[in-house]
Protein backbone atom coordinates (compact mmCIF):
# COMPACT_ATOMS: atom_id res chain seq x y z
CA MET A 1 -41.13 40.61 96.06
CA ASP A 2 -42.15 37.18 94.82
CA PHE A 3 -44.58 37.26 91.40
CA VAL A 4 -46.38 33.94 92.57
CA SER A 5 -49.18 33.41 90.11
CA ILE A 6 -51.80 34.65 87.25
CA ARG A 7 -55.25 34.19 87.80
CA ILE A 8 -57.67 33.47 84.73
CA ILE A 9 -61.57 34.30 85.55
CA THR A 10 -63.81 32.55 83.81
CA ASP A 11 -67.52 31.72 83.53
CA ASP A 12 -66.62 27.70 82.69
CA MET A 13 -64.40 26.54 85.26
CA LYS A 14 -64.46 22.64 84.65
CA ARG A 15 -63.80 23.19 81.13
CA LEU A 16 -61.18 25.91 81.47
CA VAL A 17 -59.31 24.30 84.81
CA GLY A 18 -59.76 20.60 82.18
CA PHE A 19 -57.86 21.94 79.52
CA TYR A 20 -55.27 23.67 81.62
CA GLN A 21 -54.39 20.08 83.24
CA GLU A 22 -54.80 18.34 79.84
CA ILE A 23 -51.72 20.85 78.27
CA THR A 24 -49.56 21.32 81.32
CA GLY A 25 -50.07 17.35 82.48
CA ILE A 26 -51.02 19.03 85.80
CA ALA A 27 -53.68 18.10 87.80
CA PRO A 28 -55.13 20.82 89.70
CA ASN A 29 -56.23 22.03 92.78
CA TRP A 30 -59.57 22.46 93.73
CA TYR A 31 -60.43 24.37 96.67
CA THR A 32 -63.44 25.64 96.01
CA ASP A 33 -65.97 25.68 92.98
CA ASP A 34 -65.43 28.31 92.26
CA PHE A 35 -61.12 28.83 92.49
CA ALA A 36 -58.94 25.92 91.69
CA GLU A 37 -55.13 26.44 90.65
CA LEU A 38 -52.43 24.64 88.66
CA VAL A 39 -49.13 24.62 90.75
CA MET A 40 -45.86 24.33 88.55
CA PRO A 41 -42.31 24.82 90.36
CA SER A 42 -41.34 28.33 88.87
CA CYS A 43 -45.67 30.18 89.07
CA THR A 44 -48.90 29.62 89.73
CA LEU A 45 -51.64 29.15 87.28
CA ALA A 46 -54.87 30.11 89.07
CA ILE A 47 -58.39 29.85 87.35
CA ALA A 48 -61.37 31.40 89.26
CA SER A 49 -65.03 32.07 88.69
CA LYS A 50 -66.77 35.15 87.95
CA ARG A 51 -68.36 34.98 91.50
CA THR A 52 -65.14 35.38 92.95
CA ILE A 53 -65.08 38.72 91.84
CA ASP A 54 -67.53 40.68 93.32
CA LEU A 55 -65.52 39.58 96.25
CA PHE A 56 -63.00 41.54 94.39
CA GLY A 57 -64.94 44.59 93.44
CA ALA A 58 -67.92 43.76 91.31
CA GLY A 59 -67.03 43.80 86.94
CA SER A 60 -63.49 45.28 88.42
CA ALA A 61 -62.23 41.65 85.71
CA ARG A 62 -63.76 40.22 82.37
CA PRO A 63 -64.30 36.47 81.42
CA ALA A 64 -63.32 35.48 78.00
CA ASP A 65 -61.97 39.09 77.22
CA ASN A 66 -58.31 39.57 77.08
CA HIS A 67 -56.41 40.85 74.59
CA SER A 68 -53.41 41.70 75.88
CA ALA A 69 -51.91 39.15 78.12
CA ILE A 70 -50.10 36.14 76.99
CA ILE A 71 -49.70 33.43 79.45
CA GLU A 72 -46.50 31.65 78.56
CA PHE A 73 -45.11 27.95 79.68
CA ARG A 74 -41.10 26.80 78.64
CA VAL A 75 -41.55 23.46 77.38
CA ALA A 76 -38.95 20.74 76.81
CA ASP A 77 -39.88 20.25 73.15
CA VAL A 78 -42.46 23.03 71.52
CA ASP A 79 -42.12 20.59 68.36
CA GLU A 80 -43.38 17.65 70.48
CA GLU A 81 -46.07 19.46 72.39
CA TYR A 82 -47.32 20.78 68.92
CA ARG A 83 -47.62 17.41 67.32
CA LYS A 84 -49.75 16.74 71.29
CA LEU A 85 -51.61 19.67 71.11
CA ALA A 86 -52.82 19.29 67.22
CA LYS A 87 -54.44 16.62 69.00
CA PHE A 88 -57.80 18.15 70.37
CA ILE A 89 -56.20 22.41 69.41
CA ALA A 90 -58.47 23.10 66.12
CA ALA A 91 -56.60 26.47 64.80
CA PHE A 92 -53.59 27.67 66.10
CA VAL A 93 -52.36 31.44 65.87
CA GLN A 94 -48.85 30.44 65.17
CA GLU A 95 -47.22 26.80 64.33
CA PRO A 96 -43.79 26.09 65.73
CA THR A 97 -41.74 29.37 64.84
CA THR A 98 -38.13 30.17 66.05
CA MET A 99 -38.64 33.71 67.14
CA PRO A 100 -35.33 36.35 66.76
CA TRP A 101 -34.87 36.48 70.52
CA GLY A 102 -34.45 32.62 70.47
CA ASN A 103 -37.35 30.81 71.62
CA ARG A 104 -39.11 28.22 69.14
CA SER A 105 -42.93 30.01 70.16
CA LEU A 106 -45.81 28.35 69.60
CA LEU A 107 -49.41 29.81 70.44
CA PHE A 108 -53.06 28.67 70.49
CA ARG A 109 -56.06 30.23 72.50
CA ASP A 110 -57.37 28.73 75.64
CA PRO A 111 -61.49 27.78 75.27
CA ASP A 112 -61.93 31.53 76.45
CA GLY A 113 -60.13 32.96 73.77
CA ASN A 114 -56.54 33.87 76.21
CA LEU A 115 -53.65 33.75 74.20
CA VAL A 116 -51.28 30.24 75.42
CA ASN A 117 -47.74 30.25 74.19
CA PHE A 118 -45.72 26.87 74.70
CA PHE A 119 -41.79 28.01 74.07
CA THR A 120 -38.07 26.42 73.94
CA PRO A 121 -34.95 28.34 74.50
CA VAL A 122 -33.26 27.05 71.42
CA THR A 123 -30.47 29.30 71.21
CA ALA A 124 -27.27 29.62 73.39
CA ALA A 125 -28.07 33.17 74.15
CA ALA A 126 -31.76 31.99 74.86
CA ILE A 127 -30.68 28.85 76.90
CA LYS A 128 -28.00 30.41 79.05
CA LYS A 129 -30.80 33.01 79.83
CA PHE A 130 -33.81 30.28 81.68
CA ASP A 131 -30.30 27.79 82.94
CA ALA A 132 -28.79 31.27 85.44
């Protein structure tokens, strides 16, 4: 088995896809007006409109209603990313903080309210975990 993507459902495709393009620097692949992907080496972030939910089962997901998942990106330097993001993120959930498990972490919300974590492994154990 291979975990390949996570999909966010939204009511505003252009806004959300544009946001993730801005924070990742990755150009999206638009397949339809209702579906786009940002492909990264380890995983793909898919973004789909609410209209696509009807194909899976009406009401099976609701846009802008996530209260349990965090979308995480490993970055080279979380402090540098914080300086870049501060230009257009109005409020951070958590400014760069070194967590007990060895990652330096930064939390903020996307335009739909989904929690996003940028992190950089900083301790020897955390670095080893991701270099394996």
